[in-house]
């Protein structure tokens, strides 16, 4: 039983690896998810003084501005 399970998992692993290799060799390119394709709108982000939150909110704001073309308003909360 253990030998059969080991052989079966080895075969499945080889098949999955082959599928990943073949999919990596594909010539098709998905251009539908292009970056900064237009204005994504205007959003407000509340900046809390919680530990670690401010840095995370700043990263989200910068990515939204530069990569997505959004207009971001940051409001500092007390």
Protein backbone atom coordinates (compact mmCIF):
# COMPACT_ATOMS: atom_id res chain seq x y z
CA UNK A 1 0.00 0.00 0.00
CA UNK A 2 2.79 2.42 0.91
CA UNK A 3 4.62 1.62 -2.31
CA UNK A 4 1.47 2.21 -4.37
CA UNK A 5 0.82 5.56 -2.68
CA UNK A 6 4.43 6.65 -3.19
CA UNK A 7 4.36 5.67 -6.86
CA UNK A 8 1.02 7.41 -7.41
CA UNK A 9 2.18 10.65 -5.79
CA UNK A 10 5.38 10.53 -7.84
CA UNK A 11 3.38 10.19 -11.07
CA UNK A 12 1.05 13.03 -10.07
CA UNK A 13 4.05 15.21 -9.21
CA UNK A 14 5.65 14.55 -12.61
CA UNK A 15 2.40 15.34 -14.43
CA UNK A 16 1.95 18.61 -12.52
CA UNK A 17 5.57 19.61 -13.14
CA UNK A 18 5.19 18.88 -16.87
CA UNK A 19 1.99 20.93 -17.03
CA UNK A 20 3.71 23.88 -15.35
CA UNK A 21 6.69 23.67 -17.70
CA UNK A 22 4.46 23.49 -20.77
CA UNK A 23 2.32 26.40 -19.61
CA UNK A 24 5.47 28.46 -19.11
CA UNK A 25 6.48 27.80 -22.71
CA UNK A 26 3.20 29.13 -24.09
CA UNK A 27 3.41 31.95 -26.64
CA UNK A 28 0.14 33.60 -25.67
CA UNK A 29 0.26 36.77 -23.59
CA UNK A 30 -2.62 38.13 -21.53
CA UNK A 31 -2.72 41.86 -22.24
CA UNK A 32 -6.17 42.37 -20.74
CA UNK A 33 -4.74 43.16 -17.29
CA UNK A 34 -2.56 46.07 -18.33
CA UNK A 35 -1.51 48.57 -15.68
CA UNK A 36 -2.57 52.22 -15.49
CA UNK A 37 -5.13 51.86 -18.26
CA UNK A 38 -7.17 54.82 -17.04
CA UNK A 39 -8.40 56.91 -14.17
CA UNK A 40 -9.75 54.70 -11.40
CA UNK A 41 -11.51 57.52 -9.59
CA UNK A 42 -11.11 59.38 -6.34
CA UNK A 43 -10.77 57.66 -2.95
CA UNK A 44 -10.21 58.78 0.64
CA UNK A 45 -7.98 56.83 3.03
CA UNK A 46 -8.21 57.42 6.78
CA UNK A 47 -4.76 57.45 8.38
CA UNK A 48 -5.06 55.98 11.89
CA UNK A 49 -2.16 56.19 14.35
CA UNK A 50 -2.21 52.42 14.94
CA UNK A 51 1.09 50.56 14.92
CA UNK A 52 1.91 49.46 11.39
CA UNK A 53 -1.34 50.76 9.91
CA UNK A 54 0.09 54.09 8.76
CA UNK A 55 2.84 52.45 6.73
CA UNK A 56 0.43 49.99 5.13
CA UNK A 57 -2.05 52.73 4.26
CA UNK A 58 0.75 54.81 2.74
CA UNK A 59 1.84 51.91 0.54
CA UNK A 60 -1.74 51.36 -0.63
CA UNK A 61 -2.08 55.07 -1.41
CA UNK A 62 1.17 55.22 -3.39
CA UNK A 63 0.38 52.09 -5.42
CA UNK A 64 -3.11 53.40 -6.17
CA UNK A 65 -1.68 56.73 -7.32
CA UNK A 66 1.23 55.50 -9.41
CA UNK A 67 0.05 52.16 -10.77
CA UNK A 68 -3.71 52.66 -11.07
CA UNK A 69 -3.95 56.40 -11.67
CA UNK A 70 -6.27 57.04 -8.72
CA UNK A 71 -6.72 60.33 -6.91
CA UNK A 72 -6.13 59.63 -3.21
CA UNK A 73 -7.03 61.93 -0.31
CA UNK A 74 -5.44 61.01 3.03
CA UNK A 75 -7.17 62.14 6.22
CA UNK A 76 -5.28 61.90 9.52
CA UNK A 77 -7.49 60.79 12.41
CA UNK A 78 -6.72 61.60 16.05
